[in-house]
Amino acid sequence: MDFGGGSENLYHYASNDPINYLDFDGLDTIRAALLRAIGKGDVKGIRNIMEALNPSLKKVAQEAINTLNKRAGDLIRGSLKRVKNYPSELEGKTYQEILKLANQGGELGKKAKMMKKLIRDSTRLLEKVKNCPR
């Protein structure tokens, strides 16, 4: 049985997480769901909404999945590795692992947040989603 969006899944709008995400006005878009999933490093969430994406967003979503599965050290360009207090001990972690660590407290969480920012500065994934045609 398909619903208005052409899918059996009623929770696409919330990246399959209707408890933590509410869309009271029903105005959210699949693009916003993709941005949220990328921002959280949620590969499963990205995969869940891929069928509803247009070809441009599908390409960006696949790039996001590939990026989230790469090692942090492979994602950061040369000059960014020379910033003060660069957390080289996290270079072997995947971007997805870095995002999870960044939510923790303590020194490791701080280092992961720094690595997360450096990776975002290098990859610009969220900007690619925002700039895709509708």
C-alpha atoms as a PDB file:
ATOM      1  CA  MET A   1       0.000   0.000   0.000  1.00  0.00           C
ATOM      2  CA  ASP A   2       1.495   3.332  -1.065  1.00  0.00           C
ATOM      3  CA  PHE A   3       0.681   6.673   0.510  1.00  0.00           C
ATOM      4  CA  GLY A   4       0.763  10.216  -0.888  1.00  0.00           C
ATOM      5  CA  GLY A   5       4.558  10.253  -1.175  1.00  0.00           C
ATOM      6  CA  GLY A   6       4.598   7.035  -3.195  1.00  0.00           C
ATOM      7  CA  SER A   7       6.183   4.991  -0.426  1.00  0.00           C
ATOM      8  CA  GLU A   8       4.967   2.587   2.226  1.00  0.00           C
ATOM      9  CA  ASN A   9       7.194   4.353   4.755  1.00  0.00           C
ATOM     10  CA  LEU A  10       5.249   7.040   6.618  1.00  0.00           C
ATOM     11  CA  TYR A  11       8.362   8.245   8.446  1.00  0.00           C
ATOM     12  CA  HIS A  12      10.611   9.400   5.585  1.00  0.00           C
ATOM     13  CA  TYR A  13      10.032  13.013   6.632  1.00  0.00           C
ATOM     14  CA  ALA A  14      11.637  12.281  10.001  1.00  0.00           C
ATOM     15  CA  SER A  15      14.530  10.126   8.799  1.00  0.00           C
ATOM     16  CA  ASN A  16      12.614   7.195  10.333  1.00  0.00           C
ATOM     17  CA  ASP A  17      12.820   8.852  13.754  1.00  0.00           C
ATOM     18  CA  PRO A  18       9.384  10.379  14.463  1.00  0.00           C
ATOM     19  CA  ILE A  19       9.984  10.373  18.217  1.00  0.00           C
ATOM     20  CA  ASN A  20      12.930  12.794  18.017  1.00  0.00           C
ATOM     21  CA  TYR A  21      11.753  14.787  15.018  1.00  0.00           C
ATOM     22  CA  LEU A  22       8.304  16.328  14.697  1.00  0.00           C
ATOM     23  CA  ASP A  23       6.967  18.239  11.700  1.00  0.00           C
ATOM     24  CA  PHE A  24       3.837  19.851  13.094  1.00  0.00           C
ATOM     25  CA  ASP A  25       3.123  21.905   9.978  1.00  0.00           C
ATOM     26  CA  GLY A  26       3.951  19.135   7.500  1.00  0.00           C
ATOM     27  CA  LEU A  27       6.225  21.552   5.648  1.00  0.00           C
ATOM     28  CA  ASP A  28       9.513  19.709   5.962  1.00  0.00           C
ATOM     29  CA  THR A  29      11.112  18.384   2.819  1.00  0.00           C
ATOM     30  CA  ILE A  30      13.118  15.330   1.950  1.00  0.00           C
ATOM     31  CA  ARG A  31      16.043  17.735   1.484  1.00  0.00           C
ATOM     32  CA  ALA A  32      15.794  18.733   5.161  1.00  0.00           C
ATOM     33  CA  ALA A  33      15.672  15.079   6.171  1.00  0.00           C
ATOM     34  CA  LEU A  34      18.824  14.470   4.132  1.00  0.00           C
ATOM     35  CA  LEU A  35      20.570  17.443   5.749  1.00  0.00           C
ATOM     36  CA  ARG A  36      19.641  16.121   9.194  1.00  0.00           C
ATOM     37  CA  ALA A  37      20.856  12.604   8.413  1.00  0.00           C
ATOM     38  CA  ILE A  38      24.159  13.891   6.999  1.00  0.00           C
ATOM     39  CA  GLY A  39      24.606  16.234   9.968  1.00  0.00           C
ATOM     40  CA  LYS A  40      24.142  13.333  12.391  1.00  0.00           C
ATOM     41  CA  GLY A  41      26.388  11.018  10.377  1.00  0.00           C
ATOM     42  CA  ASP A  42      23.461   8.640  10.012  1.00  0.00           C
ATOM     43  CA  VAL A  43      24.360   6.361   7.070  1.00  0.00           C
ATOM     44  CA  LYS A  44      21.294   4.191   7.699  1.00  0.00           C
ATOM     45  CA  GLY A  45      19.047   7.265   7.678  1.00  0.00           C
ATOM     46  CA  ILE A  46      20.582   8.470   4.420  1.00  0.00           C
ATOM     47  CA  ARG A  47      20.021   5.066   2.831  1.00  0.00           C
ATOM     48  CA  ASN A  48      16.416   5.014   4.071  1.00  0.00           C
ATOM     49  CA  ILE A  49      15.518   8.218   2.232  1.00  0.00           C
ATOM     50  CA  MET A  50      17.536   7.646  -0.957  1.00  0.00           C
ATOM     51  CA  GLU A  51      14.574   6.231  -2.901  1.00  0.00           C
ATOM     52  CA  ALA A  52      12.696   9.513  -2.421  1.00  0.00           C
ATOM     53  CA  LEU A  53      15.554  11.733  -3.663  1.00  0.00           C
ATOM     54  CA  ASN A  54      15.860  13.307  -7.083  1.00  0.00           C
ATOM     55  CA  PRO A  55      18.965  12.298  -9.104  1.00  0.00           C
ATOM     56  CA  SER A  56      20.996  15.337  -7.979  1.00  0.00           C
ATOM     57  CA  LEU A  57      20.321  14.707  -4.298  1.00  0.00           C
ATOM     58  CA  LYS A  58      20.897  10.956  -4.734  1.00  0.00           C
ATOM     59  CA  LYS A  59      24.381  11.717  -6.024  1.00  0.00           C
ATOM     60  CA  VAL A  60      25.107  13.956  -3.025  1.00  0.00           C
ATOM     61  CA  ALA A  61      23.640  11.355  -0.642  1.00  0.00           C
ATOM     62  CA  GLN A  62      25.920   8.666  -2.072  1.00  0.00           C
ATOM     63  CA  GLU A  63      28.879  11.028  -1.750  1.00  0.00           C
ATOM     64  CA  ALA A  64      27.888  11.627   1.888  1.00  0.00           C
ATOM     65  CA  ILE A  65      27.782   7.889   2.581  1.00  0.00           C
ATOM     66  CA  ASN A  66      31.201   7.461   0.979  1.00  0.00           C
ATOM     67  CA  THR A  67      32.567  10.378   3.000  1.00  0.00           C
ATOM     68  CA  LEU A  68      31.135   9.107   6.288  1.00  0.00           C
ATOM     69  CA  ASN A  69      32.892   5.787   5.724  1.00  0.00           C
ATOM     70  CA  LYS A  70      36.307   7.333   4.976  1.00  0.00           C
ATOM     71  CA  ARG A  71      39.059   7.812   7.513  1.00  0.00           C
ATOM     72  CA  ALA A  72      39.315  11.325   8.935  1.00  0.00           C
ATOM     73  CA  GLY A  73      42.953  11.633   7.904  1.00  0.00           C
ATOM     74  CA  ASP A  74      41.990  11.019   4.271  1.00  0.00           C
ATOM     75  CA  LEU A  75      39.339  13.742   4.323  1.00  0.00           C
ATOM     76  CA  ILE A  76      41.373  16.631   5.666  1.00  0.00           C
ATOM     77  CA  ARG A  77      43.516  18.551   3.220  1.00  0.00           C
ATOM     78  CA  GLY A  78      47.162  19.407   3.903  1.00  0.00           C
ATOM     79  CA  SER A  79      46.918  22.946   5.233  1.00  0.00           C
ATOM     80  CA  LEU A  80      44.135  22.037   7.659  1.00  0.00           C
ATOM     81  CA  LYS A  81      46.385  19.379   9.184  1.00  0.00           C
ATOM     82  CA  ARG A  82      48.741  22.112  10.313  1.00  0.00           C
ATOM     83  CA  VAL A  83      46.273  23.934  12.558  1.00  0.00           C
ATOM     84  CA  LYS A  84      47.164  24.360  16.199  1.00  0.00           C
ATOM     85  CA  ASN A  85      46.305  21.309  18.345  1.00  0.00           C
ATOM     86  CA  TYR A  86      45.433  19.153  15.310  1.00  0.00           C
ATOM     87  CA  PRO A  87      44.042  15.859  16.756  1.00  0.00           C
ATOM     88  CA  SER A  88      46.227  13.473  14.754  1.00  0.00           C
ATOM     89  CA  GLU A  89      45.307  10.571  17.033  1.00  0.00           C
ATOM     90  CA  LEU A  90      41.836  10.571  15.437  1.00  0.00           C
ATOM     91  CA  GLU A  91      43.042  10.328  11.832  1.00  0.00           C
ATOM     92  CA  GLY A  92      42.347   6.588  11.705  1.00  0.00           C
ATOM     93  CA  LYS A  93      38.695   6.966  12.763  1.00  0.00           C
ATOM     94  CA  THR A  94      35.949   7.197  10.143  1.00  0.00           C
ATOM     95  CA  TYR A  95      33.989  10.423   9.858  1.00  0.00           C
ATOM     96  CA  GLN A  96      30.953   8.551  11.188  1.00  0.00           C
ATOM     97  CA  GLU A  97      32.956   7.539  14.285  1.00  0.00           C
ATOM     98  CA  ILE A  98      34.188  11.129  14.711  1.00  0.00           C
ATOM     99  CA  LEU A  99      30.596  12.405  14.756  1.00  0.00           C
ATOM    100  CA  LYS A 100      29.687   9.932  17.503  1.00  0.00           C
ATOM    101  CA  LEU A 101      32.763  10.815  19.551  1.00  0.00           C
ATOM    102  CA  ALA A 102      31.995  14.528  19.185  1.00  0.00           C
ATOM    103  CA  ASN A 103      28.809  13.993  21.215  1.00  0.00           C
ATOM    104  CA  GLN A 104      30.798  12.687  24.160  1.00  0.00           C
ATOM    105  CA  GLY A 105      32.263  14.847  26.837  1.00  0.00           C
ATOM    106  CA  GLY A 106      35.826  15.151  27.999  1.00  0.00           C
ATOM    107  CA  GLU A 107      39.047  15.688  26.120  1.00  0.00           C
ATOM    108  CA  LEU A 108      38.302  13.084  23.445  1.00  0.00           C
ATOM    109  CA  GLY A 109      34.952  14.731  22.716  1.00  0.00           C
ATOM    110  CA  LYS A 110      36.677  18.116  22.324  1.00  0.00           C
ATOM    111  CA  LYS A 111      39.232  16.672  19.939  1.00  0.00           C
ATOM    112  CA  ALA A 112      36.497  14.949  17.945  1.00  0.00           C
ATOM    113  CA  LYS A 113      34.595  18.251  17.668  1.00  0.00           C
ATOM    114  CA  MET A 114      37.703  19.901  16.284  1.00  0.00           C
ATOM    115  CA  MET A 115      38.202  17.057  13.793  1.00  0.00           C
ATOM    116  CA  LYS A 116      34.510  17.273  12.827  1.00  0.00           C
ATOM    117  CA  LYS A 117      34.870  20.971  12.043  1.00  0.00           C
ATOM    118  CA  LEU A 118      38.009  20.384   9.983  1.00  0.00           C
ATOM    119  CA  ILE A 119      36.295  17.635   7.990  1.00  0.00           C
ATOM    120  CA  ARG A 120      33.215  19.788   7.389  1.00  0.00           C
ATOM    121  CA  ASP A 121      35.443  22.626   6.215  1.00  0.00           C
ATOM    122  CA  SER A 122      37.136  20.207   3.792  1.00  0.00           C
ATOM    123  CA  THR A 123      34.125  18.355   2.426  1.00  0.00           C
ATOM    124  CA  ARG A 124      31.360  20.990   2.397  1.00  0.00           C
ATOM    125  CA  LEU A 125      28.718  18.231   2.148  1.00  0.00           C
ATOM    126  CA  LEU A 126      25.899  20.251   3.654  1.00  0.00           C
ATOM    127  CA  GLU A 127      26.438  23.072   1.168  1.00  0.00           C
ATOM    128  CA  LYS A 128      26.234  20.576  -1.700  1.00  0.00           C
ATOM    129  CA  VAL A 129      22.809  19.434  -0.522  1.00  0.00           C
ATOM    130  CA  LYS A 130      21.579  22.996  -0.159  1.00  0.00           C
ATOM    131  CA  ASN A 131      22.803  23.908  -3.646  1.00  0.00           C
ATOM    132  CA  CYS A 132      21.222  20.950  -5.469  1.00  0.00           C
ATOM    133  CA  PRO A 133      18.294  21.728  -7.762  1.00  0.00           C
ATOM    134  CA  ARG A 134      14.894  20.854  -6.336  1.00  0.00           C
END
